[in-house]
């Protein structure tokens, strides 16, 4: 169930980003989901931000109990048809 929810959120995220501009200047090249305790995810978020990742700072598991879960993505401005994301499976 959690995988289906995360997959739906990721697809919605891509659709929203794609609809914001007719000609994209940047492309999403990587997507990652991290999870853990509050302190673990805080440390991971800071580490990945330093590596150029963008963190969507909204707990995807809020209200469900358990680990904190966050979506991260990385963008590039150089067009390369082999490197940007077009689908999720």
C-alpha atoms as a PDB file:
ATOM      1  CA  UNK A   1       0.000   0.000   0.000  1.00  0.00           C
ATOM      2  CA  UNK A   2       2.765   2.447   0.967  1.00  0.00           C
ATOM      3  CA  UNK A   3       4.573   1.732  -2.317  1.00  0.00           C
ATOM      4  CA  UNK A   4       1.416   2.525  -4.295  1.00  0.00           C
ATOM      5  CA  UNK A   5       0.927   5.797  -2.433  1.00  0.00           C
ATOM      6  CA  UNK A   6       4.547   6.837  -2.961  1.00  0.00           C
ATOM      7  CA  UNK A   7       4.352   5.891  -6.650  1.00  0.00           C
ATOM      8  CA  UNK A   8       1.175   7.979  -7.064  1.00  0.00           C
ATOM      9  CA  UNK A   9       2.786  10.942  -5.302  1.00  0.00           C
ATOM     10  CA  UNK A  10       5.859  10.703  -7.540  1.00  0.00           C
ATOM     11  CA  UNK A  11       3.739  10.624 -10.701  1.00  0.00           C
ATOM     12  CA  UNK A  12       1.701  13.604  -9.519  1.00  0.00           C
ATOM     13  CA  UNK A  13       4.943  15.435  -8.742  1.00  0.00           C
ATOM     14  CA  UNK A  14       6.246  14.869 -12.290  1.00  0.00           C
ATOM     15  CA  UNK A  15       2.935  15.962 -13.848  1.00  0.00           C
ATOM     16  CA  UNK A  16       2.857  19.160 -11.781  1.00  0.00           C
ATOM     17  CA  UNK A  17       6.440  20.054 -12.648  1.00  0.00           C
ATOM     18  CA  UNK A  18       5.849  19.287 -16.316  1.00  0.00           C
ATOM     19  CA  UNK A  19       2.781  21.493 -16.506  1.00  0.00           C
ATOM     20  CA  UNK A  20       4.504  24.556 -15.046  1.00  0.00           C
ATOM     21  CA  UNK A  21       6.521  25.418 -18.127  1.00  0.00           C
ATOM     22  CA  UNK A  22       6.076  24.874 -21.837  1.00  0.00           C
ATOM     23  CA  UNK A  23       9.830  24.628 -22.360  1.00  0.00           C
ATOM     24  CA  UNK A  24      11.699  23.249 -19.389  1.00  0.00           C
ATOM     25  CA  UNK A  25      15.065  24.753 -18.616  1.00  0.00           C
ATOM     26  CA  UNK A  26      15.891  22.087 -16.054  1.00  0.00           C
ATOM     27  CA  UNK A  27      15.193  18.387 -16.011  1.00  0.00           C
ATOM     28  CA  UNK A  28      14.728  15.908 -13.173  1.00  0.00           C
ATOM     29  CA  UNK A  29      17.505  13.352 -13.386  1.00  0.00           C
ATOM     30  CA  UNK A  30      17.112  11.453 -10.094  1.00  0.00           C
ATOM     31  CA  UNK A  31      14.392  10.833  -7.525  1.00  0.00           C
ATOM     32  CA  UNK A  32      14.906   9.300  -4.101  1.00  0.00           C
ATOM     33  CA  UNK A  33      12.773   8.505  -1.062  1.00  0.00           C
ATOM     34  CA  UNK A  34      14.447   8.521   2.360  1.00  0.00           C
ATOM     35  CA  UNK A  35      13.019   7.367   5.660  1.00  0.00           C
ATOM     36  CA  UNK A  36      13.916   6.985   9.303  1.00  0.00           C
ATOM     37  CA  UNK A  37      13.607   8.666  12.661  1.00  0.00           C
ATOM     38  CA  UNK A  38      13.362  12.436  12.928  1.00  0.00           C
ATOM     39  CA  UNK A  39      17.093  12.795  13.675  1.00  0.00           C
ATOM     40  CA  UNK A  40      18.115  10.280  10.992  1.00  0.00           C
ATOM     41  CA  UNK A  41      16.101  11.996   8.276  1.00  0.00           C
ATOM     42  CA  UNK A  42      17.275  15.454   9.391  1.00  0.00           C
ATOM     43  CA  UNK A  43      20.875  14.308   9.002  1.00  0.00           C
ATOM     44  CA  UNK A  44      20.179  12.640   5.646  1.00  0.00           C
ATOM     45  CA  UNK A  45      18.334  15.695   4.302  1.00  0.00           C
ATOM     46  CA  UNK A  46      21.240  18.006   5.154  1.00  0.00           C
ATOM     47  CA  UNK A  47      23.749  15.585   3.648  1.00  0.00           C
ATOM     48  CA  UNK A  48      21.808  15.239   0.395  1.00  0.00           C
ATOM     49  CA  UNK A  49      21.126  18.994   0.154  1.00  0.00           C
ATOM     50  CA  UNK A  50      24.898  19.523   0.255  1.00  0.00           C
ATOM     51  CA  UNK A  51      25.186  17.109  -2.700  1.00  0.00           C
ATOM     52  CA  UNK A  52      22.742  19.122  -4.828  1.00  0.00           C
ATOM     53  CA  UNK A  53      19.499  17.286  -4.046  1.00  0.00           C
ATOM     54  CA  UNK A  54      16.258  19.213  -3.508  1.00  0.00           C
ATOM     55  CA  UNK A  55      14.193  18.028  -0.546  1.00  0.00           C
ATOM     56  CA  UNK A  56      10.420  18.278  -0.523  1.00  0.00           C
ATOM     57  CA  UNK A  57      10.158  18.987   3.178  1.00  0.00           C
ATOM     58  CA  UNK A  58       6.809  17.292   3.774  1.00  0.00           C
ATOM     59  CA  UNK A  59       6.603  13.983   5.641  1.00  0.00           C
ATOM     60  CA  UNK A  60       4.886  11.608   3.198  1.00  0.00           C
ATOM     61  CA  UNK A  61       4.078   9.316   6.118  1.00  0.00           C
ATOM     62  CA  UNK A  62       2.478  12.030   8.290  1.00  0.00           C
ATOM     63  CA  UNK A  63      -0.444  10.769  10.312  1.00  0.00           C
ATOM     64  CA  UNK A  64       0.253   7.128   9.476  1.00  0.00           C
ATOM     65  CA  UNK A  65       2.731   6.457  12.279  1.00  0.00           C
ATOM     66  CA  UNK A  66       6.161   4.971  11.826  1.00  0.00           C
ATOM     67  CA  UNK A  67       9.181   6.475  10.124  1.00  0.00           C
ATOM     68  CA  UNK A  68       9.399   9.935   8.621  1.00  0.00           C
ATOM     69  CA  UNK A  69       9.470   9.667   4.806  1.00  0.00           C
ATOM     70  CA  UNK A  70      10.667  12.407   2.424  1.00  0.00           C
ATOM     71  CA  UNK A  71      10.968  12.774  -1.347  1.00  0.00           C
ATOM     72  CA  UNK A  72      14.162  14.188  -2.849  1.00  0.00           C
ATOM     73  CA  UNK A  73      15.029  14.976  -6.445  1.00  0.00           C
ATOM     74  CA  UNK A  74      18.000  16.167  -8.444  1.00  0.00           C
ATOM     75  CA  UNK A  75      17.853  18.406 -11.521  1.00  0.00           C
ATOM     76  CA  UNK A  76      20.194  19.213 -14.372  1.00  0.00           C
ATOM     77  CA  UNK A  77      20.022  22.036 -16.886  1.00  0.00           C
ATOM     78  CA  UNK A  78      21.866  20.270 -19.676  1.00  0.00           C
ATOM     79  CA  UNK A  79      19.527  18.508 -22.071  1.00  0.00           C
ATOM     80  CA  UNK A  80      20.453  14.868 -22.516  1.00  0.00           C
ATOM     81  CA  UNK A  81      17.625  12.572 -23.592  1.00  0.00           C
ATOM     82  CA  UNK A  82      19.182   9.658 -21.723  1.00  0.00           C
ATOM     83  CA  UNK A  83      19.451  11.340 -18.331  1.00  0.00           C
ATOM     84  CA  UNK A  84      16.114  12.920 -17.413  1.00  0.00           C
ATOM     85  CA  UNK A  85      13.164  11.014 -15.956  1.00  0.00           C
ATOM     86  CA  UNK A  86      10.102  10.421 -18.105  1.00  0.00           C
ATOM     87  CA  UNK A  87       8.400   7.451 -16.376  1.00  0.00           C
ATOM     88  CA  UNK A  88       8.097   5.591 -13.078  1.00  0.00           C
ATOM     89  CA  UNK A  89       7.570   1.851 -12.998  1.00  0.00           C
END
